[in-house]
PDB file of N, CA and C in Angstrom:
ATOM      1  N   TYR A   1     -99.019 -62.854   1.717  1.00  0.00           N
ATOM      2  CA  TYR A   1     -97.903 -63.631   1.225  1.00  0.00           C
ATOM      3  C   TYR A   1     -97.565 -63.116  -0.146  1.00  0.00           C
ATOM      4  N   ASP A   2     -96.317 -62.871  -0.407  1.00  0.00           N
ATOM      5  CA  ASP A   2     -95.980 -62.263  -1.692  1.00  0.00           C
ATOM      6  C   ASP A   2     -95.095 -63.164  -2.540  1.00  0.00           C
ATOM      7  N   ASP A   3     -94.818 -62.712  -3.743  1.00  0.00           N
ATOM      8  CA  ASP A   3     -94.064 -63.512  -4.725  1.00  0.00           C
ATOM      9  C   ASP A   3     -92.631 -63.796  -4.285  1.00  0.00           C
ATOM     10  N   ARG A   4     -92.080 -62.992  -3.409  1.00  0.00           N
ATOM     11  CA  ARG A   4     -90.697 -63.225  -2.967  1.00  0.00           C
ATOM     12  C   ARG A   4     -90.556 -64.554  -2.239  1.00  0.00           C
ATOM     13  N   ASN A   5     -91.628 -65.007  -1.588  1.00  0.00           N
ATOM     14  CA  ASN A   5     -91.569 -66.234  -0.803  1.00  0.00           C
ATOM     15  C   ASN A   5     -91.902 -67.464  -1.626  1.00  0.00           C
ATOM     16  N   GLY A   6     -92.522 -67.290  -2.777  1.00  0.00           N
ATOM     17  CA  GLY A   6     -92.856 -68.404  -3.656  1.00  0.00           C
ATOM     18  C   GLY A   6     -93.914 -69.325  -3.068  1.00  0.00           C
ATOM     19  N   GLY A   7     -94.657 -69.968  -3.935  1.00  0.00           N
ATOM     20  CA  GLY A   7     -95.638 -70.946  -3.491  1.00  0.00           C
ATOM     21  C   GLY A   7     -96.870 -70.337  -2.860  1.00  0.00           C
ATOM     22  N   ALA A   8     -97.685 -71.218  -2.352  1.00  0.00           N
ATOM     23  CA  ALA A   8     -98.950 -70.808  -1.739  1.00  0.00           C
ATOM     24  C   ALA A   8     -98.715 -70.229  -0.354  1.00  0.00           C
ATOM     25  N   ALA A   9     -99.643 -69.438   0.068  1.00  0.00           N
ATOM     26  CA  ALA A   9     -99.583 -68.873   1.416  1.00  0.00           C
ATOM     27  C   ALA A   9     -99.735 -69.989   2.446  1.00  0.00           C
ATOM     28  N   PRO A  10     -99.062 -69.881   3.585  1.00  0.00           N
ATOM     29  CA  PRO A  10     -99.137 -70.933   4.600  1.00  0.00           C
ATOM     30  C   PRO A  10    -100.490 -70.981   5.300  1.00  0.00           C
ATOM     31  N   LEU A  11    -100.875 -72.157   5.706  1.00  0.00           N
ATOM     32  CA  LEU A  11    -102.038 -72.377   6.556  1.00  0.00           C
ATOM     33  C   LEU A  11    -103.330 -71.760   6.037  1.00  0.00           C
ATOM     34  N   GLY A  12    -103.499 -71.769   4.739  1.00  0.00           N
ATOM     35  CA  GLY A  12    -104.757 -71.316   4.171  1.00  0.00           C
ATOM     36  C   GLY A  12    -104.959 -69.817   4.197  1.00  0.00           C
ATOM     37  N   VAL A  13    -103.913 -69.081   4.509  1.00  0.00           N
ATOM     38  CA  VAL A  13    -104.027 -67.628   4.537  1.00  0.00           C
ATOM     39  C   VAL A  13    -104.040 -67.128   3.106  1.00  0.00           C
ATOM     40  N   GLY A  14    -105.065 -66.383   2.757  1.00  0.00           N
ATOM     41  CA  GLY A  14    -105.192 -65.878   1.398  1.00  0.00           C
ATOM     42  C   GLY A  14    -105.801 -64.500   1.421  1.00  0.00           C
ATOM     43  N   ASP A  15    -106.954 -64.363   0.791  1.00  0.00           N
ATOM     44  CA  ASP A  15    -107.631 -63.068   0.767  1.00  0.00           C
ATOM     45  C   ASP A  15    -108.178 -62.733   2.156  1.00  0.00           C
ATOM     46  N   ASP A  16    -108.704 -61.539   2.293  1.00  0.00           N
ATOM     47  CA  ASP A  16    -109.202 -61.101   3.603  1.00  0.00           C
ATOM     48  C   ASP A  16    -110.261 -62.038   4.160  1.00  0.00           C
ATOM     49  N   GLU A  17    -111.183 -62.469   3.312  1.00  0.00           N
ATOM     50  CA  GLU A  17    -112.241 -63.374   3.782  1.00  0.00           C
ATOM     51  C   GLU A  17    -111.657 -64.707   4.238  1.00  0.00           C
ATOM     52  N   GLY A  18    -110.707 -65.235   3.489  1.00  0.00           N
ATOM     53  CA  GLY A  18    -110.061 -66.495   3.865  1.00  0.00           C
ATOM     54  C   GLY A  18    -109.304 -66.382   5.170  1.00  0.00           C
ATOM     55  N   ARG A  19    -108.604 -65.262   5.354  1.00  0.00           N
ATOM     56  CA  ARG A  19    -107.870 -65.051   6.612  1.00  0.00           C
ATOM     57  C   ARG A  19    -108.832 -64.934   7.784  1.00  0.00           C
ATOM     58  N   SER A  20    -109.932 -64.225   7.572  1.00  0.00           N
ATOM     59  CA  SER A  20    -110.917 -64.077   8.642  1.00  0.00           C
ATOM     60  C   SER A  20    -111.532 -65.421   9.016  1.00  0.00           C
ATOM     61  N   GLN A  21    -111.858 -66.219   8.015  1.00  0.00           N
ATOM     62  CA  GLN A  21    -112.457 -67.525   8.277  1.00  0.00           C
ATOM     63  C   GLN A  21    -111.474 -68.434   8.998  1.00  0.00           C
ATOM     64  N   PHE A  22    -110.223 -68.404   8.575  1.00  0.00           N
ATOM     65  CA  PHE A  22    -109.195 -69.212   9.216  1.00  0.00           C
ATOM     66  C   PHE A  22    -109.024 -68.790  10.678  1.00  0.00           C
ATOM     67  N   ALA A  23    -108.970 -67.479  10.908  1.00  0.00           N
ATOM     68  CA  ALA A  23    -108.816 -66.970  12.281  1.00  0.00           C
ATOM     69  C   ALA A  23    -109.998 -67.383  13.147  1.00  0.00           C
ATOM     70  N   TYR A  24    -111.198 -67.299  12.603  1.00  0.00           N
ATOM     71  CA  TYR A  24    -112.400 -67.693  13.344  1.00  0.00           C
ATOM     72  C   TYR A  24    -112.336 -69.172  13.719  1.00  0.00           C
ATOM     73  N   SER A  25    -111.979 -70.032  12.781  1.00  0.00           N
ATOM     74  CA  SER A  25    -111.945 -71.464  13.068  1.00  0.00           C
ATOM     75  C   SER A  25    -110.881 -71.798  14.117  1.00  0.00           C
ATOM     76  N   VAL A  26    -109.746 -71.108  14.070  1.00  0.00           N
ATOM     77  CA  VAL A  26    -108.708 -71.319  15.080  1.00  0.00           C
ATOM     78  C   VAL A  26    -109.190 -70.833  16.441  1.00  0.00           C
ATOM     79  N   TRP A  27    -109.821 -69.676  16.467  1.00  0.00           N
ATOM     80  CA  TRP A  27    -110.333 -69.103  17.712  1.00  0.00           C
ATOM     81  C   TRP A  27    -111.331 -70.053  18.378  1.00  0.00           C
ATOM     82  N   VAL A  28    -112.274 -70.565  17.594  1.00  0.00           N
ATOM     83  CA  VAL A  28    -113.272 -71.492  18.144  1.00  0.00           C
ATOM     84  C   VAL A  28    -112.588 -72.743  18.682  1.00  0.00           C
ATOM     85  N   SER A  29    -111.681 -73.312  17.907  1.00  0.00           N
ATOM     86  CA  SER A  29    -111.024 -74.545  18.364  1.00  0.00           C
ATOM     87  C   SER A  29    -110.194 -74.288  19.617  1.00  0.00           C
ATOM     88  N   GLU A  30    -109.513 -73.159  19.687  1.00  0.00           N
ATOM     89  CA  GLU A  30    -108.718 -72.848  20.877  1.00  0.00           C
ATOM     90  C   GLU A  30    -109.606 -72.680  22.109  1.00  0.00           C
ATOM     91  N   MET A  31    -110.744 -72.021  21.946  1.00  0.00           N
ATOM     92  CA  MET A  31    -111.668 -71.869  23.073  1.00  0.00           C
ATOM     93  C   MET A  31    -112.175 -73.232  23.546  1.00  0.00           C
ATOM     94  N   MET A  32    -112.488 -74.100  22.611  1.00  0.00           N
ATOM     95  CA  MET A  32    -113.000 -75.420  22.968  1.00  0.00           C
ATOM     96  C   MET A  32    -111.929 -76.302  23.602  1.00  0.00           C
ATOM     97  N   LEU A  33    -110.701 -76.129  23.176  1.00  0.00           N
ATOM     98  CA  LEU A  33    -109.634 -77.011  23.638  1.00  0.00           C
ATOM     99  C   LEU A  33    -109.056 -76.622  25.001  1.00  0.00           C
ATOM    100  N   GLN A  34    -109.474 -75.497  25.546  1.00  0.00           N
ATOM    101  CA  GLN A  34    -109.002 -75.132  26.880  1.00  0.00           C
ATOM    102  C   GLN A  34    -109.575 -76.124  27.892  1.00  0.00           C
ATOM    103  N   GLN A  35    -108.721 -76.854  28.532  1.00  0.00           N
ATOM    104  CA  GLN A  35    -109.104 -77.814  29.565  1.00  0.00           C
ATOM    105  C   GLN A  35    -109.966 -78.973  29.046  1.00  0.00           C
ATOM    106  N   THR A  36    -109.954 -79.215  27.732  1.00  0.00           N
ATOM    107  CA  THR A  36    -110.765 -80.284  27.147  1.00  0.00           C
ATOM    108  C   THR A  36    -109.919 -81.057  26.142  1.00  0.00           C
ATOM    109  N   GLN A  37    -110.032 -82.361  26.138  1.00  0.00           N
ATOM    110  CA  GLN A  37    -109.236 -83.198  25.250  1.00  0.00           C
ATOM    111  C   GLN A  37    -109.694 -83.079  23.797  1.00  0.00           C
ATOM    112  N   VAL A  38    -108.745 -83.224  22.882  1.00  0.00           N
ATOM    113  CA  VAL A  38    -109.015 -83.136  21.446  1.00  0.00           C
ATOM    114  C   VAL A  38    -110.089 -84.137  21.034  1.00  0.00           C
ATOM    115  N   ALA A  39    -110.010 -85.345  21.537  1.00  0.00           N
ATOM    116  CA  ALA A  39    -110.987 -86.375  21.166  1.00  0.00           C
ATOM    117  C   ALA A  39    -112.407 -85.946  21.532  1.00  0.00           C
ATOM    118  N   THR A  40    -112.555 -85.238  22.620  1.00  0.00           N
ATOM    119  CA  THR A  40    -113.863 -84.748  23.044  1.00  0.00           C
ATOM    120  C   THR A  40    -114.316 -83.584  22.175  1.00  0.00           C
ATOM    121  N   VAL A  41    -113.406 -82.700  21.848  1.00  0.00           N
ATOM    122  CA  VAL A  41    -113.739 -81.470  21.127  1.00  0.00           C
ATOM    123  C   VAL A  41    -114.147 -81.714  19.684  1.00  0.00           C
ATOM    124  N   LYS A  42    -113.604 -82.711  19.042  1.00  0.00           N
ATOM    125  CA  LYS A  42    -113.801 -82.894  17.603  1.00  0.00           C
ATOM    126  C   LYS A  42    -115.274 -82.845  17.186  1.00  0.00           C
ATOM    127  N   ALA A  43    -116.122 -83.610  17.809  1.00  0.00           N
ATOM    128  CA  ALA A  43    -117.539 -83.642  17.432  1.00  0.00           C
ATOM    129  C   ALA A  43    -118.218 -82.303  17.746  1.00  0.00           C
ATOM    130  N   TYR A  44    -117.860 -81.693  18.864  1.00  0.00           N
ATOM    131  CA  TYR A  44    -118.430 -80.387  19.214  1.00  0.00           C
ATOM    132  C   TYR A  44    -118.027 -79.336  18.179  1.00  0.00           C
ATOM    133  N   TYR A  45    -116.770 -79.346  17.800  1.00  0.00           N
ATOM    134  CA  TYR A  45    -116.264 -78.389  16.819  1.00  0.00           C
ATOM    135  C   TYR A  45    -117.000 -78.542  15.482  1.00  0.00           C
ATOM    136  N   GLU A  46    -117.166 -79.765  15.038  1.00  0.00           N
ATOM    137  CA  GLU A  46    -117.849 -79.999  13.759  1.00  0.00           C
ATOM    138  C   GLU A  46    -119.294 -79.516  13.811  1.00  0.00           C
ATOM    139  N   ARG A  47    -119.989 -79.790  14.906  1.00  0.00           N
ATOM    140  CA  ARG A  47    -121.379 -79.307  15.042  1.00  0.00           C
ATOM    141  C   ARG A  47    -121.423 -77.785  15.103  1.00  0.00           C
ATOM    142  N   TRP A  48    -120.475 -77.210  15.832  1.00  0.00           N
ATOM    143  CA  TRP A  48    -120.418 -75.756  15.969  1.00  0.00           C
ATOM    144  C   TRP A  48    -120.220 -75.096  14.609  1.00  0.00           C
ATOM    145  N   MET A  49    -119.251 -75.586  13.857  1.00  0.00           N
ATOM    146  CA  MET A  49    -118.942 -74.971  12.562  1.00  0.00           C
ATOM    147  C   MET A  49    -120.070 -75.186  11.557  1.00  0.00           C
ATOM    148  N   GLU A  50    -120.839 -76.231  11.741  1.00  0.00           N
ATOM    149  CA  GLU A  50    -122.012 -76.439  10.888  1.00  0.00           C
ATOM    150  C   GLU A  50    -123.105 -75.422  11.250  1.00  0.00           C
ATOM    151  N   ALA A  51    -123.293 -75.191  12.533  1.00  0.00           N
ATOM    152  CA  ALA A  51    -124.329 -74.255  12.987  1.00  0.00           C
ATOM    153  C   ALA A  51    -123.909 -72.796  12.791  1.00  0.00           C
ATOM    154  N   PHE A  52    -122.629 -72.507  13.032  1.00  0.00           N
ATOM    155  CA  PHE A  52    -122.107 -71.141  12.949  1.00  0.00           C
ATOM    156  C   PHE A  52    -120.867 -71.137  12.049  1.00  0.00           C
ATOM    157  N   PRO A  53    -121.042 -71.268  10.739  1.00  0.00           N
ATOM    158  CA  PRO A  53    -119.891 -71.394   9.846  1.00  0.00           C
ATOM    159  C   PRO A  53    -119.014 -70.145   9.750  1.00  0.00           C
ATOM    160  N   THR A  54    -119.560 -68.988  10.094  1.00  0.00           N
ATOM    161  CA  THR A  54    -118.775 -67.759  10.071  1.00  0.00           C
ATOM    162  C   THR A  54    -118.995 -66.998  11.362  1.00  0.00           C
ATOM    163  N   ILE A  55    -118.131 -66.064  11.616  1.00  0.00           N
ATOM    164  CA  ILE A  55    -118.285 -65.243  12.819  1.00  0.00           C
ATOM    165  C   ILE A  55    -119.543 -64.395  12.729  1.00  0.00           C
ATOM    166  N   ARG A  56    -119.963 -64.055  11.535  1.00  0.00           N
ATOM    167  CA  ARG A  56    -121.224 -63.311  11.378  1.00  0.00           C
ATOM    168  C   ARG A  56    -122.416 -64.170  11.800  1.00  0.00           C
ATOM    169  N   ASP A  57    -122.378 -65.449  11.458  1.00  0.00           N
ATOM    170  CA  ASP A  57    -123.443 -66.357  11.893  1.00  0.00           C
ATOM    171  C   ASP A  57    -123.477 -66.453  13.413  1.00  0.00           C
ATOM    172  N   LEU A  58    -122.313 -66.545  14.017  1.00  0.00           N
ATOM    173  CA  LEU A  58    -122.234 -66.609  15.467  1.00  0.00           C
ATOM    174  C   LEU A  58    -122.748 -65.312  16.084  1.00  0.00           C
ATOM    175  N   ALA A  59    -122.341 -64.188  15.534  1.00  0.00           N
ATOM    176  CA  ALA A  59    -122.771 -62.891  16.063  1.00  0.00           C
ATOM    177  C   ALA A  59    -124.285 -62.720  15.993  1.00  0.00           C
ATOM    178  N   GLY A  60    -124.917 -63.333  15.010  1.00  0.00           N
ATOM    179  CA  GLY A  60    -126.356 -63.230  14.867  1.00  0.00           C
ATOM    180  C   GLY A  60    -127.137 -64.260  15.657  1.00  0.00           C
ATOM    181  N   SER A  61    -126.436 -65.094  16.397  1.00  0.00           N
ATOM    182  CA  SER A  61    -127.102 -66.164  17.150  1.00  0.00           C
ATOM    183  C   SER A  61    -127.565 -65.661  18.505  1.00  0.00           C
ATOM    184  N   ASP A  62    -128.380 -66.469  19.147  1.00  0.00           N
ATOM    185  CA  ASP A  62    -128.794 -66.139  20.504  1.00  0.00           C
ATOM    186  C   ASP A  62    -128.022 -67.020  21.488  1.00  0.00           C
ATOM    187  N   ILE A  63    -127.960 -66.574  22.712  1.00  0.00           N
ATOM    188  CA  ILE A  63    -127.173 -67.275  23.723  1.00  0.00           C
ATOM    189  C   ILE A  63    -127.695 -68.680  23.995  1.00  0.00           C
ATOM    190  N   GLU A  64    -128.989 -68.888  23.826  1.00  0.00           N
ATOM    191  CA  GLU A  64    -129.551 -70.232  24.051  1.00  0.00           C
ATOM    192  C   GLU A  64    -128.986 -71.225  23.030  1.00  0.00           C
ATOM    193  N   GLY A  65    -128.887 -70.797  21.782  1.00  0.00           N
ATOM    194  CA  GLY A  65    -128.321 -71.673  20.753  1.00  0.00           C
ATOM    195  C   GLY A  65    -126.855 -71.972  21.001  1.00  0.00           C
ATOM    196  N   VAL A  66    -126.129 -70.961  21.435  1.00  0.00           N
ATOM    197  CA  VAL A  66    -124.714 -71.143  21.769  1.00  0.00           C
ATOM    198  C   VAL A  66    -124.579 -72.119  22.933  1.00  0.00           C
ATOM    199  N   ASN A  67    -125.349 -71.901  23.978  1.00  0.00           N
ATOM    200  CA  ASN A  67    -125.275 -72.778  25.151  1.00  0.00           C
ATOM    201  C   ASN A  67    -125.654 -74.214  24.805  1.00  0.00           C
ATOM    202  N   LYS A  68    -126.638 -74.374  23.942  1.00  0.00           N
ATOM    203  CA  LYS A  68    -127.060 -75.719  23.552  1.00  0.00           C
ATOM    204  C   LYS A  68    -125.915 -76.476  22.869  1.00  0.00           C
ATOM    205  N   LEU A  69    -125.200 -75.801  21.969  1.00  0.00           N
ATOM    206  CA  LEU A  69    -124.088 -76.464  21.289  1.00  0.00           C
ATOM    207  C   LEU A  69    -122.879 -76.649  22.195  1.00  0.00           C
ATOM    208  N   TRP A  70    -122.725 -75.776  23.175  1.00  0.00           N
ATOM    209  CA  TRP A  70    -121.584 -75.871  24.092  1.00  0.00           C
ATOM    210  C   TRP A  70    -121.820 -76.913  25.174  1.00  0.00           C
ATOM    211  N   ALA A  71    -123.070 -77.242  25.453  1.00  0.00           N
ATOM    212  CA  ALA A  71    -123.404 -78.151  26.546  1.00  0.00           C
ATOM    213  C   ALA A  71    -122.599 -79.446  26.452  1.00  0.00           C
ATOM    214  N   GLY A  72    -121.954 -79.790  27.538  1.00  0.00           N
ATOM    215  CA  GLY A  72    -121.143 -80.997  27.599  1.00  0.00           C
ATOM    216  C   GLY A  72    -119.653 -80.716  27.558  1.00  0.00           C
ATOM    217  N   LEU A  73    -119.257 -79.518  27.106  1.00  0.00           N
ATOM    218  CA  LEU A  73    -117.834 -79.166  27.066  1.00  0.00           C
ATOM    219  C   LEU A  73    -117.341 -78.654  28.416  1.00  0.00           C
ATOM    220  N   GLY A  74    -118.264 -78.244  29.270  1.00  0.00           N
ATOM    221  CA  GLY A  74    -117.861 -77.686  30.556  1.00  0.00           C
ATOM    222  C   GLY A  74    -117.353 -76.264  30.401  1.00  0.00           C
ATOM    223  N   TYR A  75    -116.992 -75.655  31.520  1.00  0.00           N
ATOM    224  CA  TYR A  75    -116.489 -74.278  31.525  1.00  0.00           C
ATOM    225  C   TYR A  75    -117.355 -73.403  30.620  1.00  0.00           C
ATOM    226  N   TYR A  76    -118.614 -73.314  30.951  1.00  0.00           N
ATOM    227  CA  TYR A  76    -119.607 -72.680  30.081  1.00  0.00           C
ATOM    228  C   TYR A  76    -119.341 -71.212  29.803  1.00  0.00           C
ATOM    229  N   ARG A  77    -118.572 -70.572  30.629  1.00  0.00           N
ATOM    230  CA  ARG A  77    -118.248 -69.171  30.385  1.00  0.00           C
ATOM    231  C   ARG A  77    -117.530 -69.021  29.044  1.00  0.00           C
ATOM    232  N   ARG A  78    -116.721 -69.999  28.665  1.00  0.00           N
ATOM    233  CA  ARG A  78    -116.012 -69.926  27.381  1.00  0.00           C
ATOM    234  C   ARG A  78    -117.010 -69.796  26.238  1.00  0.00           C
ATOM    235  N   GLY A  79    -118.071 -70.562  26.275  1.00  0.00           N
ATOM    236  CA  GLY A  79    -119.079 -70.497  25.221  1.00  0.00           C
ATOM    237  C   GLY A  79    -119.865 -69.208  25.247  1.00  0.00           C
ATOM    238  N   ARG A  80    -120.136 -68.712  26.448  1.00  0.00           N
ATOM    239  CA  ARG A  80    -120.933 -67.487  26.554  1.00  0.00           C
ATOM    240  C   ARG A  80    -120.196 -66.261  26.036  1.00  0.00           C
ATOM    241  N   VAL A  81    -118.877 -66.244  26.097  1.00  0.00           N
ATOM    242  CA  VAL A  81    -118.139 -65.062  25.654  1.00  0.00           C
ATOM    243  C   VAL A  81    -117.925 -65.029  24.147  1.00  0.00           C
ATOM    244  N   LEU A  82    -118.213 -66.111  23.457  1.00  0.00           N
ATOM    245  CA  LEU A  82    -117.990 -66.139  22.005  1.00  0.00           C
ATOM    246  C   LEU A  82    -118.892 -65.207  21.213  1.00  0.00           C
ATOM    247  N   PRO A  83    -120.215 -65.250  21.410  1.00  0.00           N
ATOM    248  CA  PRO A  83    -121.022 -64.347  20.571  1.00  0.00           C
ATOM    249  C   PRO A  83    -120.933 -62.958  21.108  1.00  0.00           C
TER     250      PRO A  83
END
């Protein structure tokens, strides 16, 4: 976002790290929200982001930990493809 547009960058887009973190959080929420209601996803999303706050944390995780946090959301393949 540059000075020609004025004001802050939209949707938390800033430096490279901020953009990456924003993209990761959107990606996780979109994966969780496929075929699942928002009310159901909220608690799962919060636990997920606490356990795997960055994509690097997720990449370093094991599939058992991912499956444990995904349990109850259904469509388990979505969780398995994340790490």
